PDB file of N, CA and C in Angstrom:
ATOM      1  N   UNK A   1     -52.303 -56.890  46.998  1.00  0.00           N
ATOM      2  CA  UNK A   1     -51.528 -55.931  47.605  1.00  0.00           C
ATOM      3  C   UNK A   1     -52.095 -55.011  48.297  1.00  0.00           C
ATOM      4  N   UNK A   2     -51.895 -54.728  49.583  1.00  0.00           N
ATOM      5  CA  UNK A   2     -52.418 -53.654  50.254  1.00  0.00           C
ATOM      6  C   UNK A   2     -51.484 -52.452  50.493  1.00  0.00           C
ATOM      7  N   UNK A   3     -51.790 -51.383  51.071  1.00  0.00           N
ATOM      8  CA  UNK A   3     -51.197 -50.316  51.111  1.00  0.00           C
ATOM      9  C   UNK A   3     -49.877 -50.513  51.761  1.00  0.00           C
ATOM     10  N   UNK A   4     -49.710 -51.131  52.865  1.00  0.00           N
ATOM     11  CA  UNK A   4     -48.557 -51.512  53.534  1.00  0.00           C
ATOM     12  C   UNK A   4     -47.634 -52.203  52.744  1.00  0.00           C
ATOM     13  N   UNK A   5     -47.921 -53.157  52.066  1.00  0.00           N
ATOM     14  CA  UNK A   5     -47.105 -53.898  50.940  1.00  0.00           C
ATOM     15  C   UNK A   5     -46.630 -53.205  49.858  1.00  0.00           C
ATOM     16  N   UNK A   6     -47.590 -52.287  49.243  1.00  0.00           N
ATOM     17  CA  UNK A   6     -47.052 -51.191  48.530  1.00  0.00           C
ATOM     18  C   UNK A   6     -46.005 -50.525  48.801  1.00  0.00           C
ATOM     19  N   UNK A   7     -46.041 -49.982  49.777  1.00  0.00           N
ATOM     20  CA  UNK A   7     -44.909 -49.117  50.525  1.00  0.00           C
ATOM     21  C   UNK A   7     -43.873 -49.948  50.697  1.00  0.00           C
ATOM     22  N   UNK A   8     -43.952 -50.911  51.173  1.00  0.00           N
ATOM     23  CA  UNK A   8     -42.665 -51.834  51.522  1.00  0.00           C
ATOM     24  C   UNK A   8     -42.090 -52.228  49.868  1.00  0.00           C
ATOM     25  N   UNK A   9     -42.738 -52.458  48.719  1.00  0.00           N
ATOM     26  CA  UNK A   9     -42.174 -52.747  47.755  1.00  0.00           C
ATOM     27  C   UNK A   9     -41.583 -51.525  46.952  1.00  0.00           C
ATOM     28  N   UNK A  10     -42.207 -50.256  47.248  1.00  0.00           N
ATOM     29  CA  UNK A  10     -41.765 -49.080  46.665  1.00  0.00           C
ATOM     30  C   UNK A  10     -40.478 -48.713  47.140  1.00  0.00           C
ATOM     31  N   UNK A  11     -40.265 -48.985  48.514  1.00  0.00           N
ATOM     32  CA  UNK A  11     -39.224 -48.576  49.135  1.00  0.00           C
ATOM     33  C   UNK A  11     -38.018 -49.263  48.903  1.00  0.00           C
ATOM     34  N   UNK A  12     -38.219 -50.656  48.910  1.00  0.00           N
ATOM     35  CA  UNK A  12     -37.082 -51.396  48.080  1.00  0.00           C
ATOM     36  C   UNK A  12     -36.762 -51.000  46.879  1.00  0.00           C
ATOM     37  N   UNK A  13     -37.605 -50.755  46.053  1.00  0.00           N
ATOM     38  CA  UNK A  13     -37.388 -50.545  44.698  1.00  0.00           C
ATOM     39  C   UNK A  13     -36.620 -49.310  44.418  1.00  0.00           C
ATOM     40  N   UNK A  14     -37.064 -48.087  45.302  1.00  0.00           N
ATOM     41  CA  UNK A  14     -36.438 -46.674  45.084  1.00  0.00           C
ATOM     42  C   UNK A  14     -35.293 -46.609  46.111  1.00  0.00           C
ATOM     43  N   UNK A  15     -35.047 -47.483  46.969  1.00  0.00           N
ATOM     44  CA  UNK A  15     -33.931 -47.281  47.942  1.00  0.00           C
ATOM     45  C   UNK A  15     -34.204 -45.932  48.807  1.00  0.00           C
ATOM     46  N   UNK A  16     -35.566 -46.041  49.298  1.00  0.00           N
ATOM     47  CA  UNK A  16     -35.938 -44.953  50.304  1.00  0.00           C
ATOM     48  C   UNK A  16     -36.415 -45.849  51.586  1.00  0.00           C
ATOM     49  N   UNK A  17     -36.475 -44.931  52.692  1.00  0.00           N
ATOM     50  CA  UNK A  17     -36.939 -45.719  54.078  1.00  0.00           C
ATOM     51  C   UNK A  17     -38.583 -45.797  53.775  1.00  0.00           C
ATOM     52  N   UNK A  18     -39.145 -46.551  54.500  1.00  0.00           N
ATOM     53  CA  UNK A  18     -40.600 -46.679  54.446  1.00  0.00           C
ATOM     54  C   UNK A  18     -41.207 -45.519  54.811  1.00  0.00           C
ATOM     55  N   UNK A  19     -40.744 -44.653  55.730  1.00  0.00           N
ATOM     56  CA  UNK A  19     -41.122 -43.392  56.224  1.00  0.00           C
ATOM     57  C   UNK A  19     -41.275 -42.393  55.149  1.00  0.00           C
ATOM     58  N   UNK A  20     -40.378 -42.422  54.556  1.00  0.00           N
ATOM     59  CA  UNK A  20     -40.133 -41.521  53.283  1.00  0.00           C
ATOM     60  C   UNK A  20     -41.220 -41.858  52.280  1.00  0.00           C
ATOM     61  N   UNK A  21     -41.159 -43.201  51.815  1.00  0.00           N
ATOM     62  CA  UNK A  21     -42.033 -43.815  51.080  1.00  0.00           C
ATOM     63  C   UNK A  21     -43.475 -43.520  51.256  1.00  0.00           C
ATOM     64  N   UNK A  22     -43.969 -43.714  52.502  1.00  0.00           N
ATOM     65  CA  UNK A  22     -45.250 -43.536  52.993  1.00  0.00           C
ATOM     66  C   UNK A  22     -45.454 -42.011  52.789  1.00  0.00           C
ATOM     67  N   UNK A  23     -44.659 -41.195  53.167  1.00  0.00           N
ATOM     68  CA  UNK A  23     -45.105 -39.751  52.801  1.00  0.00           C
ATOM     69  C   UNK A  23     -45.253 -39.348  51.447  1.00  0.00           C
ATOM     70  N   UNK A  24     -44.367 -39.819  50.515  1.00  0.00           N
ATOM     71  CA  UNK A  24     -44.601 -39.809  49.089  1.00  0.00           C
ATOM     72  C   UNK A  24     -45.985 -40.228  48.498  1.00  0.00           C
ATOM     73  N   UNK A  25     -45.997 -41.484  48.824  1.00  0.00           N
ATOM     74  CA  UNK A  25     -47.577 -41.978  48.626  1.00  0.00           C
ATOM     75  C   UNK A  25     -48.624 -41.260  48.921  1.00  0.00           C
ATOM     76  N   UNK A  26     -48.755 -40.943  50.290  1.00  0.00           N
ATOM     77  CA  UNK A  26     -49.868 -40.093  50.921  1.00  0.00           C
ATOM     78  C   UNK A  26     -49.877 -38.760  50.147  1.00  0.00           C
ATOM     79  N   UNK A  27     -48.796 -38.079  49.913  1.00  0.00           N
ATOM     80  CA  UNK A  27     -48.678 -36.870  49.122  1.00  0.00           C
ATOM     81  C   UNK A  27     -49.391 -37.189  47.691  1.00  0.00           C
ATOM     82  N   UNK A  28     -48.963 -38.057  47.063  1.00  0.00           N
ATOM     83  CA  UNK A  28     -49.367 -38.437  45.719  1.00  0.00           C
ATOM     84  C   UNK A  28     -51.023 -38.509  45.693  1.00  0.00           C
ATOM     85  N   UNK A  29     -51.545 -39.540  46.521  1.00  0.00           N
ATOM     86  CA  UNK A  29     -53.036 -39.734  46.758  1.00  0.00           C
ATOM     87  C   UNK A  29     -53.688 -38.376  47.177  1.00  0.00           C
ATOM     88  N   UNK A  30     -53.122 -37.505  48.113  1.00  0.00           N
ATOM     89  CA  UNK A  30     -53.868 -36.278  48.434  1.00  0.00           C
ATOM     90  C   UNK A  30     -53.742 -35.430  47.275  1.00  0.00           C
ATOM     91  N   UNK A  31     -52.819 -35.373  46.298  1.00  0.00           N
ATOM     92  CA  UNK A  31     -52.740 -34.331  45.560  1.00  0.00           C
ATOM     93  C   UNK A  31     -53.584 -34.706  44.356  1.00  0.00           C
ATOM     94  N   UNK A  32     -53.644 -36.142  43.924  1.00  0.00           N
ATOM     95  CA  UNK A  32     -54.707 -36.740  42.765  1.00  0.00           C
ATOM     96  C   UNK A  32     -55.905 -36.330  43.340  1.00  0.00           C
ATOM     97  N   UNK A  33     -56.306 -36.538  44.650  1.00  0.00           N
ATOM     98  CA  UNK A  33     -57.850 -36.232  45.065  1.00  0.00           C
ATOM     99  C   UNK A  33     -58.036 -34.659  44.963  1.00  0.00           C
ATOM    100  N   UNK A  34     -57.033 -33.954  45.471  1.00  0.00           N
ATOM    101  CA  UNK A  34     -57.586 -32.307  45.197  1.00  0.00           C
ATOM    102  C   UNK A  34     -57.627 -32.019  43.885  1.00  0.00           C
ATOM    103  N   UNK A  35     -56.819 -32.582  42.777  1.00  0.00           N
ATOM    104  CA  UNK A  35     -56.709 -32.241  41.593  1.00  0.00           C
ATOM    105  C   UNK A  35     -58.064 -32.749  40.922  1.00  0.00           C
ATOM    106  N   UNK A  36     -58.675 -33.921  41.218  1.00  0.00           N
ATOM    107  CA  UNK A  36     -59.785 -34.566  40.614  1.00  0.00           C
ATOM    108  C   UNK A  36     -61.129 -33.652  41.235  1.00  0.00           C
ATOM    109  N   UNK A  37     -60.942 -33.412  42.520  1.00  0.00           N
ATOM    110  CA  UNK A  37     -61.809 -32.424  43.079  1.00  0.00           C
ATOM    111  C   UNK A  37     -62.052 -31.061  42.237  1.00  0.00           C
ATOM    112  N   UNK A  38     -61.115 -30.760  42.012  1.00  0.00           N
ATOM    113  CA  UNK A  38     -61.252 -29.429  41.092  1.00  0.00           C
ATOM    114  C   UNK A  38     -61.786 -29.618  39.486  1.00  0.00           C
ATOM    115  N   UNK A  39     -62.109 -30.874  39.416  1.00  0.00           N
ATOM    116  CA  UNK A  39     -62.511 -31.315  37.824  1.00  0.00           C
ATOM    117  C   UNK A  39     -61.532 -31.132  36.873  1.00  0.00           C
ATOM    118  N   UNK A  40     -60.190 -31.387  37.162  1.00  0.00           N
ATOM    119  CA  UNK A  40     -59.217 -31.590  36.220  1.00  0.00           C
ATOM    120  C   UNK A  40     -58.691 -32.975  36.117  1.00  0.00           C
ATOM    121  N   UNK A  41     -58.121 -33.205  34.995  1.00  0.00           N
ATOM    122  CA  UNK A  41     -57.427 -34.587  34.859  1.00  0.00           C
ATOM    123  C   UNK A  41     -56.191 -34.771  35.161  1.00  0.00           C
ATOM    124  N   UNK A  42     -55.649 -36.053  35.378  1.00  0.00           N
ATOM    125  CA  UNK A  42     -54.111 -36.218  35.717  1.00  0.00           C
ATOM    126  C   UNK A  42     -53.839 -37.329  34.715  1.00  0.00           C
ATOM    127  N   UNK A  43     -52.849 -36.967  33.903  1.00  0.00           N
ATOM    128  CA  UNK A  43     -52.322 -38.002  32.732  1.00  0.00           C
ATOM    129  C   UNK A  43     -50.935 -38.406  33.055  1.00  0.00           C
ATOM    130  N   UNK A  44     -50.695 -39.539  33.517  1.00  0.00           N
ATOM    131  CA  UNK A  44     -49.355 -39.991  33.673  1.00  0.00           C
ATOM    132  C   UNK A  44     -48.861 -40.911  32.405  1.00  0.00           C
ATOM    133  N   UNK A  45     -48.141 -40.415  31.468  1.00  0.00           N
ATOM    134  CA  UNK A  45     -47.789 -41.147  30.187  1.00  0.00           C
ATOM    135  C   UNK A  45     -47.337 -42.357  30.486  1.00  0.00           C
ATOM    136  N   UNK A  46     -47.999 -43.633  29.808  1.00  0.00           N
ATOM    137  CA  UNK A  46     -47.603 -44.778  29.946  1.00  0.00           C
ATOM    138  C   UNK A  46     -48.181 -45.675  31.110  1.00  0.00           C
ATOM    139  N   UNK A  47     -48.719 -44.825  32.317  1.00  0.00           N
ATOM    140  CA  UNK A  47     -49.228 -45.408  33.311  1.00  0.00           C
ATOM    141  C   UNK A  47     -50.788 -45.414  33.265  1.00  0.00           C
ATOM    142  N   UNK A  48     -51.291 -44.058  32.973  1.00  0.00           N
ATOM    143  CA  UNK A  48     -52.797 -43.940  32.798  1.00  0.00           C
ATOM    144  C   UNK A  48     -53.325 -42.375  33.129  1.00  0.00           C
ATOM    145  N   UNK A  49     -54.599 -42.381  33.019  1.00  0.00           N
ATOM    146  CA  UNK A  49     -55.173 -41.070  33.179  1.00  0.00           C
ATOM    147  C   UNK A  49     -56.340 -41.303  34.054  1.00  0.00           C
ATOM    148  N   UNK A  50     -56.143 -40.304  35.178  1.00  0.00           N
ATOM    149  CA  UNK A  50     -57.271 -40.078  36.201  1.00  0.00           C
ATOM    150  C   UNK A  50     -58.351 -39.014  35.644  1.00  0.00           C
ATOM    151  N   UNK A  51     -59.467 -39.367  35.929  1.00  0.00           N
ATOM    152  CA  UNK A  51     -60.431 -38.161  35.468  1.00  0.00           C
ATOM    153  C   UNK A  51     -61.911 -38.295  36.250  1.00  0.00           C
ATOM    154  N   UNK A  52     -62.627 -37.260  36.180  1.00  0.00           N
ATOM    155  CA  UNK A  52     -64.054 -37.322  36.868  1.00  0.00           C
ATOM    156  C   UNK A  52     -65.143 -37.137  35.817  1.00  0.00           C
ATOM    157  N   UNK A  53     -65.945 -38.223  36.154  1.00  0.00           N
ATOM    158  CA  UNK A  53     -67.239 -38.096  35.087  1.00  0.00           C
ATOM    159  C   UNK A  53     -68.492 -38.118  36.003  1.00  0.00           C
ATOM    160  N   UNK A  54     -69.418 -37.649  35.389  1.00  0.00           N
ATOM    161  CA  UNK A  54     -70.625 -37.274  36.015  1.00  0.00           C
ATOM    162  C   UNK A  54     -71.463 -38.443  35.486  1.00  0.00           C
ATOM    163  N   UNK A  55     -72.087 -39.056  36.704  1.00  0.00           N
ATOM    164  CA  UNK A  55     -73.035 -40.242  36.420  1.00  0.00           C
ATOM    165  C   UNK A  55     -74.412 -39.637  36.586  1.00  0.00           C
ATOM    166  N   UNK A  56     -75.245 -39.702  35.498  1.00  0.00           N
ATOM    167  CA  UNK A  56     -76.748 -39.126  35.732  1.00  0.00           C
ATOM    168  C   UNK A  56     -77.415 -39.836  36.674  1.00  0.00           C
ATOM    169  N   UNK A  57     -78.707 -39.352  37.135  1.00  0.00           N
ATOM    170  CA  UNK A  57     -79.567 -39.897  37.913  1.00  0.00           C
ATOM    171  C   UNK A  57     -80.274 -41.016  37.125  1.00  0.00           C
ATOM    172  N   UNK A  58     -80.554 -42.055  37.903  1.00  0.00           N
ATOM    173  CA  UNK A  58     -81.030 -43.403  36.963  1.00  0.00           C
ATOM    174  C   UNK A  58     -82.145 -43.967  37.956  1.00  0.00           C
ATOM    175  N   UNK A  59     -82.782 -44.865  37.386  1.00  0.00           N
ATOM    176  CA  UNK A  59     -83.838 -45.597  38.184  1.00  0.00           C
ATOM    177  C   UNK A  59     -83.136 -47.002  38.543  1.00  0.00           C
ATOM    178  N   UNK A  60     -83.253 -47.349  39.770  1.00  0.00           N
ATOM    179  CA  UNK A  60     -82.779 -48.560  40.316  1.00  0.00           C
ATOM    180  C   UNK A  60     -83.862 -49.459  41.097  1.00  0.00           C
ATOM    181  N   UNK A  61     -83.552 -50.601  41.497  1.00  0.00           N
ATOM    182  CA  UNK A  61     -84.605 -51.365  42.279  1.00  0.00           C
ATOM    183  C   UNK A  61     -83.919 -51.903  43.474  1.00  0.00           C
ATOM    184  N   UNK A  62     -84.627 -51.713  44.567  1.00  0.00           N
ATOM    185  CA  UNK A  62     -84.198 -52.396  45.728  1.00  0.00           C
ATOM    186  C   UNK A  62     -84.400 -53.795  45.789  1.00  0.00           C
ATOM    187  N   UNK A  63     -83.085 -54.623  45.812  1.00  0.00           N
ATOM    188  CA  UNK A  63     -83.486 -56.208  45.673  1.00  0.00           C
ATOM    189  C   UNK A  63     -84.228 -56.801  46.710  1.00  0.00           C
ATOM    190  N   UNK A  64     -84.580 -56.473  47.734  1.00  0.00           N
ATOM    191  CA  UNK A  64     -85.177 -56.891  48.831  1.00  0.00           C
ATOM    192  C   UNK A  64     -86.791 -56.730  48.958  1.00  0.00           C
ATOM    193  N   UNK A  65     -87.119 -55.362  48.575  1.00  0.00           N
ATOM    194  CA  UNK A  65     -88.414 -55.114  48.210  1.00  0.00           C
ATOM    195  C   UNK A  65     -88.765 -54.962  46.824  1.00  0.00           C
ATOM    196  N   UNK A  66     -88.158 -54.962  45.887  1.00  0.00           N
ATOM    197  CA  UNK A  66     -88.423 -55.076  44.492  1.00  0.00           C
ATOM    198  C   UNK A  66     -88.952 -53.589  44.211  1.00  0.00           C
ATOM    199  N   UNK A  67     -88.987 -52.686  45.115  1.00  0.00           N
ATOM    200  CA  UNK A  67     -89.474 -51.423  44.978  1.00  0.00           C
ATOM    201  C   UNK A  67     -88.494 -50.725  44.021  1.00  0.00           C
ATOM    202  N   UNK A  68     -89.057 -49.988  43.038  1.00  0.00           N
ATOM    203  CA  UNK A  68     -88.091 -49.042  42.319  1.00  0.00           C
ATOM    204  C   UNK A  68     -87.637 -47.818  42.994  1.00  0.00           C
ATOM    205  N   UNK A  69     -86.667 -47.245  42.985  1.00  0.00           N
ATOM    206  CA  UNK A  69     -85.997 -46.262  43.474  1.00  0.00           C
ATOM    207  C   UNK A  69     -85.147 -45.473  42.365  1.00  0.00           C
ATOM    208  N   UNK A  70     -84.865 -44.234  42.834  1.00  0.00           N
ATOM    209  CA  UNK A  70     -84.210 -43.279  42.196  1.00  0.00           C
ATOM    210  C   UNK A  70     -82.795 -42.996  42.604  1.00  0.00           C
ATOM    211  N   UNK A  71     -81.942 -43.378  42.083  1.00  0.00           N
ATOM    212  CA  UNK A  71     -80.548 -43.343  42.416  1.00  0.00           C
ATOM    213  C   UNK A  71     -79.778 -41.871  41.844  1.00  0.00           C
ATOM    214  N   UNK A  72     -79.431 -41.117  42.804  1.00  0.00           N
ATOM    215  CA  UNK A  72     -79.085 -39.802  42.518  1.00  0.00           C
ATOM    216  C   UNK A  72     -78.053 -39.576  41.664  1.00  0.00           C
ATOM    217  N   UNK A  73     -77.776 -38.524  40.977  1.00  0.00           N
ATOM    218  CA  UNK A  73     -76.598 -38.428  40.074  1.00  0.00           C
ATOM    219  C   UNK A  73     -75.555 -37.834  41.029  1.00  0.00           C
ATOM    220  N   UNK A  74     -74.348 -38.482  40.391  1.00  0.00           N
ATOM    221  CA  UNK A  74     -72.923 -38.027  41.411  1.00  0.00           C
ATOM    222  C   UNK A  74     -71.864 -38.177  40.239  1.00  0.00           C
ATOM    223  N   UNK A  75     -70.578 -37.625  40.840  1.00  0.00           N
ATOM    224  CA  UNK A  75     -69.544 -37.492  40.162  1.00  0.00           C
ATOM    225  C   UNK A  75     -68.773 -38.764  40.590  1.00  0.00           C
ATOM    226  N   UNK A  76     -68.052 -39.660  39.669  1.00  0.00           N
ATOM    227  CA  UNK A  76     -67.382 -40.734  39.960  1.00  0.00           C
ATOM    228  C   UNK A  76     -65.872 -40.669  39.237  1.00  0.00           C
ATOM    229  N   UNK A  77     -64.986 -41.203  39.889  1.00  0.00           N
ATOM    230  CA  UNK A  77     -63.519 -41.115  39.562  1.00  0.00           C
ATOM    231  C   UNK A  77     -63.273 -42.081  38.582  1.00  0.00           C
ATOM    232  N   UNK A  78     -62.683 -41.837  37.354  1.00  0.00           N
ATOM    233  CA  UNK A  78     -62.351 -42.859  36.249  1.00  0.00           C
ATOM    234  C   UNK A  78     -61.074 -42.901  36.170  1.00  0.00           C
ATOM    235  N   UNK A  79     -60.459 -44.255  35.831  1.00  0.00           N
ATOM    236  CA  UNK A  79     -59.124 -44.286  35.456  1.00  0.00           C
ATOM    237  C   UNK A  79     -58.829 -45.117  34.334  1.00  0.00           C
ATOM    238  N   UNK A  80     -58.172 -44.641  33.384  1.00  0.00           N
ATOM    239  CA  UNK A  80     -57.931 -45.485  32.104  1.00  0.00           C
ATOM    240  C   UNK A  80     -56.335 -45.650  32.094  1.00  0.00           C
ATOM    241  N   UNK A  81     -56.095 -47.120  31.992  1.00  0.00           N
ATOM    242  CA  UNK A  81     -54.772 -47.516  32.074  1.00  0.00           C
ATOM    243  C   UNK A  81     -54.075 -47.224  30.624  1.00  0.00           C
ATOM    244  N   UNK A  82     -52.660 -46.683  30.959  1.00  0.00           N
ATOM    245  CA  UNK A  82     -51.967 -46.486  29.673  1.00  0.00           C
ATOM    246  C   UNK A  82     -51.420 -47.788  29.080  1.00  0.00           C
ATOM    247  N   UNK A  83     -50.580 -47.496  27.949  1.00  0.00           N
ATOM    248  CA  UNK A  83     -50.161 -48.499  27.245  1.00  0.00           C
ATOM    249  C   UNK A  83     -49.040 -49.408  28.151  1.00  0.00           C
ATOM    250  N   UNK A  84     -48.162 -48.864  28.660  1.00  0.00           N
ATOM    251  CA  UNK A  84     -47.047 -49.445  29.483  1.00  0.00           C
ATOM    252  C   UNK A  84     -47.735 -50.385  30.471  1.00  0.00           C
ATOM    253  N   UNK A  85     -48.752 -49.774  31.228  1.00  0.00           N
ATOM    254  CA  UNK A  85     -49.317 -50.517  32.282  1.00  0.00           C
ATOM    255  C   UNK A  85     -50.325 -51.570  31.685  1.00  0.00           C
ATOM    256  N   UNK A  86     -50.846 -51.480  30.647  1.00  0.00           N
ATOM    257  CA  UNK A  86     -51.612 -52.534  30.144  1.00  0.00           C
ATOM    258  C   UNK A  86     -50.816 -53.865  29.611  1.00  0.00           C
ATOM    259  N   UNK A  87     -49.495 -53.363  29.088  1.00  0.00           N
ATOM    260  CA  UNK A  87     -48.714 -54.226  28.454  1.00  0.00           C
ATOM    261  C   UNK A  87     -48.084 -55.369  29.729  1.00  0.00           C
ATOM    262  N   UNK A  88     -48.034 -54.737  31.012  1.00  0.00           N
ATOM    263  CA  UNK A  88     -47.703 -55.576  32.003  1.00  0.00           C
ATOM    264  C   UNK A  88     -48.887 -56.780  32.146  1.00  0.00           C
ATOM    265  N   UNK A  89     -49.987 -56.483  32.090  1.00  0.00           N
ATOM    266  CA  UNK A  89     -51.179 -57.416  32.443  1.00  0.00           C
ATOM    267  C   UNK A  89     -51.467 -58.302  31.156  1.00  0.00           C
ATOM    268  N   UNK A  90     -51.416 -59.502  31.207  1.00  0.00           N
ATOM    269  CA  UNK A  90     -51.696 -60.412  30.078  1.00  0.00           C
ATOM    270  C   UNK A  90     -52.486 -61.417  30.491  1.00  0.00           C
TER     271      UNK A  90
END
């Protein structure tokens, strides 16, 4: 499912227009991004938890040249599914 299909499905279930639903989804994504950028977690009970983790610098290998390279440290977004969401996938 892509973003447009998600907006269509959400609009139908919530009884909103696609314009309203797109605005709500974009506001949600923007808020999640800003919150994670500040280093905070977002916990939606039953759905899941978004958090930021630090990935340490590590050694890697260029697959074409086989030369060893250093992959720099960076922050990555993590998502852990909640029990209600996990129960839908079998």
